[in-house]
Each structure stands twice: as structure tokens, then as C-alpha cells.
Amino acid sequence: MSEIGAGHRVEAETEARDTAASKARLRLWLKLLKATKHVEGELRENLRVTFDTTLPRFDVMAALYRAEPGLKMSELSSVLRVSNGNVTGIVDRLVIDGILVRIPVDNDRRATTVRLTKAGREQFAQMAAKHEAWIDNLLEGVDANEAQQMTDQLERIARKNTKKGA
């Protein structure tokens, strides 16, 4: 076989492998999306039935629970990766419900810090414990080693794509 013929064969084999890898990645993405939607749907329903709350409210409370003594509204939006407008409505309702409190920022009259009240921290602790149990139940077919491997792979993908977008 000539060098040109061999070169085309290698090129065709590489292209076939790349196409197979591309198709496998697409299938992976679709499976991840399906699994995520299923788990998220179950969490939404469980939060609604058990705590009469929503996943966005839970997410706001979780972000603030981890960020004691609180976050500015812009920081909260950034942590949650949503617009300030989306967060404002949720925060307003949580303040009315006594779950959050707004605190003026000393050196900036326009800014406020939002944090969980004592009641909010207690409620979130109960919700977080149930949330962990629900996730554990939903992913019970995955052992600790598999969970760590999947986590490592997803972190690698996230790092790679974060660098691309930077």
C-alpha cells in the first residue's frame, strides 16, 4: 500500500474513533440530563410536600447557610448563578416568612446583606438532613467509590470548560 493510501486509512480510522467518541459523549450528556431532571423533580416534590417550600427557596437558604454571616444580594446572585431579579423575589418572601433578615451594609447605603435568622437556620438544618436522605435514596445504586469517581470526572469536565470560557 502506498504512503498516501495508508495515510487516508489512518485518517479514516481516527475520524471513525472521533465520531464514536462524539456519539458516546452525546449519549452521556443525554443520560446525565435525564437523571438530573428525574432527581430534581423528586426533590421539588419532596420539598413541596414535606416542607411546603420550593427548590429555589431551598437553594437560597443553602447558599446563606454556607456563607455565615450572610451575603450581599449581588454575591448571592453570583453564588446561585441567577439574576438579581430572580433572587430578590425569593428573598422578599423569605424575609416576610421570618427565614431571612436584611442588614444594611455600613459603607454602602444601596447594599444590604442577607442572612438566615435563627429560625431560618433551624429550618434549613431540618431540610438539609431530609435532602441528604432523599439524595441518598435516589442514588442508592451508586456505591461510595463510584460516586467519588463520577464526582472526579464531573469536576474535571467543569474545570476544563471553565478554562475555555475564561
Protein backbone atom coordinates (compact mmCIF):
# COMPACT_ATOMS: atom_id res chain seq x y z
CA MET A 1 0.00 0.00 0.00
CA SER A 2 1.31 3.45 -0.82
CA GLU A 3 2.06 6.05 1.83
CA ILE A 4 -0.87 8.08 0.55
CA GLY A 5 -3.28 5.12 0.88
CA ALA A 6 -2.02 4.32 4.39
CA GLY A 7 -2.38 7.96 5.39
CA HIS A 8 -6.01 8.05 4.27
CA ARG A 9 -6.73 4.81 6.16
CA VAL A 10 -5.23 6.20 9.39
CA GLU A 11 -7.16 9.43 8.88
CA ALA A 12 -10.41 7.50 8.31
CA GLU A 13 -9.81 5.36 11.42
CA THR A 14 -9.11 8.45 13.51
CA GLU A 15 -12.26 10.12 12.19
CA ALA A 16 -14.31 7.00 12.99
CA ARG A 17 -12.92 6.94 16.55
CA ASP A 18 -13.62 10.66 16.95
CA THR A 19 -17.19 10.13 15.69
CA ALA A 20 -17.70 7.20 18.06
CA ALA A 21 -16.35 9.26 20.96
CA SER A 22 -18.57 12.18 19.99
CA LYS A 23 -21.65 9.95 19.87
CA ALA A 24 -20.72 8.38 23.23
CA ARG A 25 -20.35 11.86 24.77
CA LEU A 26 -23.72 12.88 23.39
CA ARG A 27 -25.35 9.76 24.88
CA LEU A 28 -23.62 10.52 28.19
CA TRP A 29 -24.95 14.08 28.17
CA LEU A 30 -28.50 12.88 27.46
CA LYS A 31 -28.29 10.32 30.30
CA LEU A 32 -26.92 12.98 32.69
CA LEU A 33 -29.70 15.34 31.71
CA LYS A 34 -32.39 12.67 32.14
CA ALA A 35 -31.02 11.62 35.54
CA THR A 36 -30.72 15.24 36.67
CA LYS A 37 -34.28 16.06 35.65
CA HIS A 38 -35.58 12.98 37.46
CA VAL A 39 -33.69 13.70 40.68
CA GLU A 40 -34.58 17.40 40.56
CA GLY A 41 -38.25 16.56 40.03
CA GLU A 42 -38.24 14.24 43.03
CA LEU A 43 -36.51 16.88 45.17
CA ARG A 44 -39.00 19.56 44.13
CA GLU A 45 -41.92 17.30 45.04
CA ASN A 46 -40.39 16.20 48.35
CA LEU A 47 -39.64 19.80 49.36
CA ARG A 48 -43.16 20.85 48.44
CA VAL A 49 -44.89 18.00 50.28
CA THR A 50 -42.62 17.82 53.34
CA PHE A 51 -41.77 21.49 53.92
CA ASP A 52 -44.24 23.42 51.75
CA THR A 53 -41.30 25.10 50.02
CA THR A 54 -39.63 25.25 46.64
CA LEU A 55 -36.22 24.25 45.33
CA PRO A 56 -35.22 27.88 44.64
CA ARG A 57 -36.04 28.81 48.26
CA PHE A 58 -34.01 25.81 49.45
CA ASP A 59 -31.10 26.89 47.22
CA VAL A 60 -31.14 30.43 48.64
CA MET A 61 -31.21 29.10 52.19
CA ALA A 62 -28.39 26.63 51.42
CA ALA A 63 -26.18 29.37 49.99
CA LEU A 64 -26.74 31.56 53.03
CA TYR A 65 -26.26 28.67 55.47
CA ARG A 66 -22.79 28.10 54.00
CA ALA A 67 -21.96 31.82 53.93
CA GLU A 68 -22.42 32.91 57.52
CA PRO A 69 -22.72 35.80 58.42
CA GLY A 70 -24.54 36.34 55.13
CA LEU A 71 -24.10 37.66 51.60
CA LYS A 72 -24.83 40.85 49.72
CA MET A 73 -27.65 40.36 47.22
CA SER A 74 -25.20 40.59 44.31
CA GLU A 75 -22.99 37.94 45.93
CA LEU A 76 -26.00 35.68 46.48
CA SER A 77 -27.00 36.06 42.82
CA SER A 78 -23.46 35.21 41.79
CA VAL A 79 -23.28 32.12 44.03
CA LEU A 80 -26.61 30.88 42.66
CA ARG A 81 -25.74 31.91 39.09
CA VAL A 82 -29.04 33.72 38.60
CA SER A 83 -30.05 37.34 38.06
CA ASN A 84 -30.53 39.79 40.92
CA GLY A 85 -34.20 40.00 39.96
CA ASN A 86 -34.71 36.26 40.41
CA VAL A 87 -33.16 36.34 43.88
CA THR A 88 -34.97 39.49 45.04
CA GLY A 89 -38.45 37.95 44.85
CA ILE A 90 -37.38 34.81 46.70
CA VAL A 91 -35.54 36.81 49.36
CA ASP A 92 -38.54 39.13 49.82
CA ARG A 93 -40.81 36.16 50.59
CA LEU A 94 -38.25 34.53 52.90
CA VAL A 95 -37.92 37.81 54.83
CA ILE A 96 -41.72 38.02 55.19
CA ASP A 97 -41.73 34.41 56.44
CA GLY A 98 -39.09 35.22 59.09
CA ILE A 99 -36.50 32.93 57.49
CA LEU A 100 -34.12 35.70 56.39
CA VAL A 101 -33.21 39.16 57.60
CA ARG A 102 -31.79 42.08 55.61
CA ILE A 103 -28.97 44.07 57.20
CA PRO A 104 -27.77 47.40 55.74
CA VAL A 105 -24.12 47.49 54.69
CA ASP A 106 -22.32 50.18 56.72
CA ASN A 107 -20.31 51.80 53.92
CA ASP A 108 -22.86 51.38 51.09
CA ARG A 109 -26.39 52.74 51.55
CA ARG A 110 -27.63 50.91 48.45
CA ALA A 111 -26.44 47.45 49.52
CA THR A 112 -27.87 45.01 52.03
CA THR A 113 -26.54 41.78 53.41
CA VAL A 114 -29.00 38.91 53.68
CA ARG A 115 -28.65 36.17 56.26
CA LEU A 116 -30.66 33.40 57.85
CA THR A 117 -32.47 34.11 61.09
CA LYS A 118 -32.15 31.64 63.96
CA ALA A 119 -35.47 30.12 62.88
CA GLY A 120 -34.19 30.02 59.29
CA ARG A 121 -31.01 28.19 60.31
CA GLU A 122 -33.03 25.66 62.30
CA GLN A 123 -35.49 25.11 59.45
CA PHE A 124 -32.70 24.75 56.92
CA ALA A 125 -30.87 22.21 59.11
CA GLN A 126 -34.02 20.05 59.09
CA MET A 127 -34.45 20.48 55.36
CA ALA A 128 -30.79 19.70 54.65
CA ALA A 129 -30.95 16.46 56.63
CA LYS A 130 -34.02 15.33 54.68
CA HIS A 131 -32.44 16.49 51.41
CA GLU A 132 -29.37 14.35 52.06
CA ALA A 133 -31.57 11.34 52.85
CA TRP A 134 -33.58 11.85 49.65
CA ILE A 135 -30.42 12.09 47.55
CA ASP A 136 -29.02 9.01 49.25
CA ASN A 137 -32.21 7.11 48.43
CA LEU A 138 -32.33 8.33 44.82
CA LEU A 139 -28.68 7.37 44.21
CA GLU A 140 -28.63 4.19 46.31
CA GLY A 141 -27.41 2.11 43.34
CA VAL A 142 -24.12 4.04 43.34
CA ASP A 143 -21.52 2.96 45.90
CA ALA A 144 -19.11 5.40 47.58
CA ASN A 145 -16.24 4.56 45.22
CA GLU A 146 -18.39 5.02 42.11
CA ALA A 147 -19.77 8.28 43.50
CA GLN A 148 -16.23 9.58 44.03
CA GLN A 149 -15.16 8.53 40.52
CA MET A 150 -18.17 10.25 38.97
CA THR A 151 -17.57 13.36 41.07
CA ASP A 152 -13.93 13.46 39.97
CA GLN A 153 -14.90 13.12 36.30
CA LEU A 154 -17.55 15.84 36.53
CA GLU A 155 -15.13 18.16 38.32
CA ARG A 156 -12.57 17.56 35.56
CA ILE A 157 -15.17 18.41 32.92
CA ALA A 158 -16.21 21.54 34.83
CA ARG A 159 -12.59 22.71 35.21
CA LYS A 160 -11.89 22.15 31.53
CA ASN A 161 -14.98 24.07 30.46
CA THR A 162 -14.42 26.85 32.98
CA LYS A 163 -10.96 27.42 31.48
CA LYS A 164 -12.45 27.51 27.97
CA GLY A 165 -14.95 30.21 28.96
CA ALA A 166 -12.37 32.34 30.76
